[in-house]
Protein backbone atom coordinates (compact mmCIF):
# COMPACT_ATOMS: atom_id res chain seq x y z
CA UNK A 1 58.55 143.99 120.00
CA UNK A 2 58.12 142.16 116.70
CA UNK A 3 55.19 140.31 115.20
CA UNK A 4 55.30 137.02 113.37
CA UNK A 5 52.83 134.83 111.55
CA UNK A 6 55.01 131.75 112.08
CA UNK A 7 56.30 130.20 115.30
CA UNK A 8 58.74 127.81 116.89
CA UNK A 9 60.82 125.26 115.06
CA UNK A 10 59.61 121.71 114.74
CA UNK A 11 55.87 122.35 114.41
CA UNK A 12 53.95 120.31 111.81
CA UNK A 13 54.39 121.72 108.33
CA UNK A 14 51.58 124.04 107.30
CA UNK A 15 49.89 124.19 110.72
CA UNK A 16 50.20 127.97 111.00
CA UNK A 17 48.77 128.40 107.51
CA UNK A 18 45.88 126.05 108.31
CA UNK A 19 45.06 128.00 111.47
CA UNK A 20 45.19 131.28 109.56
CA UNK A 21 42.86 129.93 106.87
CA UNK A 22 40.34 128.54 109.36
CA UNK A 23 40.43 131.74 111.40
CA UNK A 24 39.65 133.87 108.33
CA UNK A 25 36.94 131.53 107.03
CA UNK A 26 33.31 131.81 108.13
CA UNK A 27 32.31 128.45 106.65
CA UNK A 28 34.57 125.70 107.96
CA UNK A 29 34.00 121.95 108.02
CA UNK A 30 33.79 121.12 111.74
CA UNK A 31 35.57 117.74 111.52
CA UNK A 32 38.53 119.12 109.55
CA UNK A 33 38.72 122.18 111.79
CA UNK A 34 38.66 120.10 114.98
CA UNK A 35 41.49 117.88 113.71
CA UNK A 36 43.67 120.94 113.06
CA UNK A 37 42.71 122.52 116.37
CA UNK A 38 43.56 119.35 118.32
CA UNK A 39 47.08 119.33 116.86
CA UNK A 40 47.40 123.01 117.72
CA UNK A 41 46.14 122.81 121.31
CA UNK A 42 48.35 119.80 122.07
CA UNK A 43 51.48 121.67 120.95
CA UNK A 44 50.42 124.74 122.94
CA UNK A 45 49.73 122.61 126.00
CA UNK A 46 53.20 121.03 125.76
CA UNK A 47 54.99 124.36 125.34
CA UNK A 48 56.17 123.50 121.83
CA UNK A 49 54.49 126.63 120.46
CA UNK A 50 53.95 129.91 122.32
CA UNK A 51 51.92 133.08 121.89
CA UNK A 52 55.17 135.05 122.28
CA UNK A 53 58.81 134.14 122.74
CA UNK A 54 62.22 135.83 123.05
CA UNK A 55 64.33 136.17 119.93
CA UNK A 56 67.52 138.18 119.43
CA UNK A 57 67.03 140.36 122.49
CA UNK A 58 63.38 141.20 121.86
CA UNK A 59 59.99 139.49 122.14
CA UNK A 60 58.14 138.19 119.10
CA UNK A 61 54.35 137.85 119.05
CA UNK A 62 53.05 134.86 117.09
CA UNK A 63 49.72 136.16 115.87
CA UNK A 64 48.68 132.82 114.42
CA UNK A 65 48.88 131.21 117.87
CA UNK A 66 46.44 133.75 119.27
CA UNK A 67 44.22 133.15 116.25
CA UNK A 68 44.30 129.43 117.01
CA UNK A 69 43.05 130.09 120.55
CA UNK A 70 40.28 132.35 119.29
CA UNK A 71 39.37 129.68 116.71
CA UNK A 72 38.94 127.23 119.58
CA UNK A 73 36.36 129.48 121.20
CA UNK A 74 34.47 129.69 117.90
CA UNK A 75 34.50 125.91 117.42
CA UNK A 76 33.69 125.06 121.02
CA UNK A 77 30.27 124.02 122.25
CA UNK A 78 29.04 124.68 125.76
CA UNK A 79 29.49 121.54 127.81
CA UNK A 80 28.96 120.61 131.43
CA UNK A 81 32.21 120.08 133.31
CA UNK A 82 32.10 117.34 135.98
CA UNK A 83 30.78 119.09 139.05
CA UNK A 84 31.95 119.11 142.62
CA UNK A 85 29.20 118.95 145.24
CA UNK A 86 26.05 120.83 144.23
CA UNK A 87 27.75 123.36 141.96
CA UNK A 88 27.92 122.84 138.17
CA UNK A 89 30.45 124.24 135.71
CA UNK A 90 29.97 124.90 131.97
CA UNK A 91 32.61 125.86 129.40
CA UNK A 92 33.57 125.45 125.74
CA UNK A 93 34.42 121.80 125.18
CA UNK A 94 37.55 122.79 123.24
CA UNK A 95 39.19 124.07 126.45
CA UNK A 96 38.96 121.45 129.20
CA UNK A 97 41.20 121.52 132.24
CA UNK A 98 44.83 120.58 131.73
CA UNK A 99 45.74 116.97 132.52
CA UNK A 100 48.67 116.84 134.94
CA UNK A 101 50.39 113.62 135.98
CA UNK A 102 52.99 112.72 138.61
CA UNK A 103 55.60 112.53 135.83
CA UNK A 104 55.15 116.24 135.06
CA UNK A 105 56.87 117.08 138.39
CA UNK A 106 54.45 119.94 139.09
CA UNK A 107 53.02 120.62 142.55
CA UNK A 108 49.35 121.61 142.45
CA UNK A 109 48.32 121.93 146.10
CA UNK A 110 44.66 121.01 146.85
CA UNK A 111 42.23 123.85 147.35
CA UNK A 112 40.45 125.17 144.27
CA UNK A 113 43.15 125.95 141.68
CA UNK A 114 42.64 125.38 137.96
CA UNK A 115 44.92 125.22 134.92
CA UNK A 116 43.30 125.32 131.52
CA UNK A 117 44.41 123.06 128.68
CA UNK A 118 46.65 125.03 126.36
CA UNK A 119 48.63 126.55 129.22
CA UNK A 120 52.18 125.26 129.58
CA UNK A 121 53.45 124.63 133.11
CA UNK A 122 57.10 123.54 133.34
CA UNK A 123 58.60 121.01 135.76
CA UNK A 124 59.26 122.33 139.24
CA UNK A 125 56.37 124.81 139.23
CA UNK A 126 54.31 125.13 142.42
CA UNK A 127 50.65 126.22 142.24
CA UNK A 128 49.21 127.25 145.61
CA UNK A 129 45.45 127.31 146.18
CA UNK A 130 43.40 128.96 144.89
CA UNK A 131 45.14 130.06 141.69
CA UNK A 132 44.21 130.15 138.00
CA UNK A 133 46.38 129.77 134.89
CA UNK A 134 44.55 130.60 131.67
CA UNK A 135 44.77 129.41 128.06
CA UNK A 136 47.98 130.26 126.19
CA UNK A 137 49.96 131.12 129.31
CA UNK A 138 53.53 129.84 129.67
CA UNK A 139 55.03 129.29 133.13
CA UNK A 140 58.76 128.50 133.26
CA UNK A 141 60.69 126.05 135.45
CA UNK A 142 60.72 126.33 139.24
CA UNK A 143 58.28 129.26 139.36
CA UNK A 144 55.64 129.68 142.07
CA UNK A 145 52.07 130.80 141.47
CA UNK A 146 50.87 131.72 144.93
CA UNK A 147 47.39 131.80 146.49
CA UNK A 148 44.69 133.93 144.81
CA UNK A 149 47.05 134.68 141.92
CA UNK A 150 46.00 134.88 138.26
CA UNK A 151 48.15 134.19 135.22
CA UNK A 152 46.07 135.58 132.35
CA UNK A 153 45.66 134.32 128.81
CA UNK A 154 48.91 134.22 126.82
CA UNK A 155 50.98 135.73 129.68
CA UNK A 156 54.60 134.57 129.51
CA UNK A 157 56.22 133.80 132.87
CA UNK A 158 59.92 132.94 133.02
CA UNK A 159 61.88 130.51 135.19
CA UNK A 160 62.28 130.95 138.96
CA UNK A 161 59.55 133.62 139.10
CA UNK A 162 57.43 134.14 142.22
CA UNK A 163 53.93 135.45 141.57
CA UNK A 164 52.90 136.33 145.12
CA UNK A 165 49.50 136.04 146.78
CA UNK A 166 46.65 137.96 145.10
CA UNK A 167 48.89 139.22 142.26
CA UNK A 168 47.20 139.61 138.89
CA UNK A 169 49.05 139.03 135.61
CA UNK A 170 46.72 140.32 132.93
CA UNK A 171 45.71 138.40 129.83
CA UNK A 172 45.93 139.68 126.24
CA UNK A 173 44.18 137.75 123.46
CA UNK A 174 42.93 140.60 121.29
CA UNK A 175 44.08 142.38 119.28
CA UNK A 176 46.05 139.36 118.05
CA UNK A 177 49.14 141.46 117.34
CA UNK A 178 49.35 142.87 120.85
CA UNK A 179 52.18 141.70 123.08
CA UNK A 180 50.99 139.77 126.13
CA UNK A 181 52.33 140.49 129.60
CA UNK A 182 55.94 139.27 129.90
CA UNK A 183 57.60 138.41 133.23
CA UNK A 184 61.20 137.35 132.62
CA UNK A 185 63.39 134.95 134.62
CA UNK A 186 64.03 135.52 138.31
CA UNK A 187 61.37 138.19 138.87
CA UNK A 188 59.51 138.62 142.17
CA UNK A 189 55.97 139.98 141.78
CA UNK A 190 54.72 141.16 145.18
CA UNK A 191 51.32 140.51 146.70
CA UNK A 192 48.24 142.46 145.56
CA UNK A 193 50.12 143.84 142.57
CA UNK A 194 48.82 143.96 139.01
CA UNK A 195 50.68 143.87 135.68
CA UNK A 196 48.57 144.51 132.58
CA UNK A 197 48.44 145.64 128.92
CA UNK A 198 51.53 143.90 127.64
CA UNK A 199 53.98 145.35 130.15
CA UNK A 200 57.41 143.68 130.19
CA UNK A 201 59.20 143.09 133.48
CA UNK A 202 62.82 142.28 132.68
CA UNK A 203 65.03 139.67 134.31
CA UNK A 204 65.65 139.87 138.05
CA UNK A 205 63.31 142.79 138.78
CA UNK A 206 61.30 143.06 142.00
CA UNK A 207 57.75 144.43 141.82
CA UNK A 208 56.76 145.50 145.33
CA UNK A 209 53.44 144.68 146.96
CA UNK A 210 50.59 146.81 145.67
CA UNK A 211 52.30 148.11 142.52
CA UNK A 212 50.08 148.41 139.43
CA UNK A 213 51.72 148.56 136.00
CA UNK A 214 50.00 149.20 132.68
CA UNK A 215 51.31 150.37 129.32
CA UNK A 216 50.03 153.85 130.20
CA UNK A 217 51.70 154.01 133.63
CA UNK A 218 54.70 156.36 133.90
CA UNK A 219 57.40 154.88 136.16
CA UNK A 220 59.78 157.25 137.94
CA UNK A 221 63.35 156.00 138.27
CA UNK A 222 64.68 157.74 141.37
CA UNK A 223 68.17 156.28 140.85
CA UNK A 224 68.71 157.27 137.21
CA UNK A 225 66.40 160.31 137.51
CA UNK A 226 64.37 159.44 134.44
CA UNK A 227 60.70 158.81 133.69
CA UNK A 228 59.87 155.63 131.82
CA UNK A 229 56.81 155.63 129.57
CA UNK A 230 55.53 153.22 126.94
CA UNK A 231 57.64 152.57 123.87
CA UNK A 232 56.62 153.29 120.29
CA UNK A 233 55.24 149.74 120.24
CA UNK A 234 52.95 150.63 123.15
CA UNK A 235 54.83 148.60 125.78
CA UNK A 236 56.07 149.62 129.21
CA UNK A 237 59.43 148.01 130.06
CA UNK A 238 60.73 147.63 133.61
CA UNK A 239 64.55 147.30 133.49
CA UNK A 240 66.56 144.34 134.75
CA UNK A 241 67.03 144.15 138.55
CA UNK A 242 64.88 147.25 139.18
CA UNK A 243 63.06 147.36 142.54
CA UNK A 244 59.67 149.01 142.02
CA UNK A 245 57.46 150.20 144.89
CA UNK A 246 54.17 152.15 145.09
CA UNK A 247 54.55 155.93 145.19
CA UNK A 248 52.62 159.10 144.48
CA UNK A 249 53.04 162.32 142.49
CA UNK A 250 51.28 165.59 143.18
CA UNK A 251 48.74 166.97 140.71
CA UNK A 252 49.48 170.49 139.57
CA UNK A 253 46.05 172.06 139.00
CA UNK A 254 44.85 174.71 141.45
CA UNK A 255 42.00 172.45 142.55
CA UNK A 256 44.39 169.56 143.17
CA UNK A 257 46.80 171.75 145.09
CA UNK A 258 43.99 173.14 147.23
CA UNK A 259 42.85 169.65 148.17
CA UNK A 260 46.29 168.02 148.34
CA UNK A 261 45.49 165.51 145.58
CA UNK A 262 48.00 163.10 144.06
CA UNK A 263 48.14 160.12 141.70
CA UNK A 264 49.49 156.68 142.47
CA UNK A 265 52.81 156.25 140.66
CA UNK A 266 55.31 153.36 140.68
CA UNK A 267 58.84 154.32 141.71
CA UNK A 268 62.15 152.57 141.09
CA UNK A 269 63.93 153.11 144.39
CA UNK A 270 66.97 150.86 143.89
CA UNK A 271 68.45 148.12 141.77
CA UNK A 272 68.64 144.60 143.14
CA UNK A 273 71.62 143.70 145.34
CA UNK A 274 72.76 140.80 147.51
CA UNK A 275 70.42 141.78 150.38
CA UNK A 276 67.43 141.80 148.06
CA UNK A 277 68.44 138.41 146.66
CA UNK A 278 68.70 136.95 150.16
CA UNK A 279 65.14 138.00 151.01
CA UNK A 280 63.65 136.71 147.75
CA UNK A 281 65.52 133.40 148.09
CA UNK A 282 63.53 132.44 151.20
CA UNK A 283 60.88 130.74 149.05
CA UNK A 284 63.39 127.94 148.33
CA UNK A 285 62.72 126.70 151.87
CA UNK A 286 59.12 125.94 150.88
CA UNK A 287 59.94 123.60 147.99
């Protein structure tokens, strides 16, 4: 994992430097700051800049993008959001809901979902109710965000990913240099699972229902007979095509042995094959 203070090609000249300057300053002119922030949030909303992106086989964190989001919270004023029924909503006026049109080719099924401005949602994505996609997130083409699922701030979701019902993809805004959660192309994240603390799930992996992954979680590979722990950069990486399910490991203390205690531990029990692909392809029937 690398860190960068610049970002994608084609952004307005000097925007990153302007964001950095405003972020570091404690006395900014509101009008000038808002003009810079509006350029920034529009590019983030359109997917032209990202909090993190792949480059040369690794993932690069763009710290200035995270700083831009945090700047928006500092500049924002509490404002009433148009209410539904008798319930009122209030949030920073710098982060309204994302505007989605028919031309975006995104399905947002009625029933209480929300996508915040500054989250990119690609064509072909399906959002089932209720779901929430937070600021700075990136959701790739033809992915599904299922019911009661969360895509946290700055999480990066690839193409053709299925985030199943009640799955939680954690958000990482601070520290600004920390890698957000990364879910690469073609991954299936099972129901009631949770992926947090900048964990990376590589292309084609299957995360079984109920699995919880954090940077501090050891993962036992029963096929390769190895134990995967966080890298020197503090990131847990699940390999390509790995199938991860909930497991347990016994505790070794005398007290634990006496009481038969164990810890929940994710296990890699196989690597994806044609049968696995056939099962995960069933979602295509719903599109």
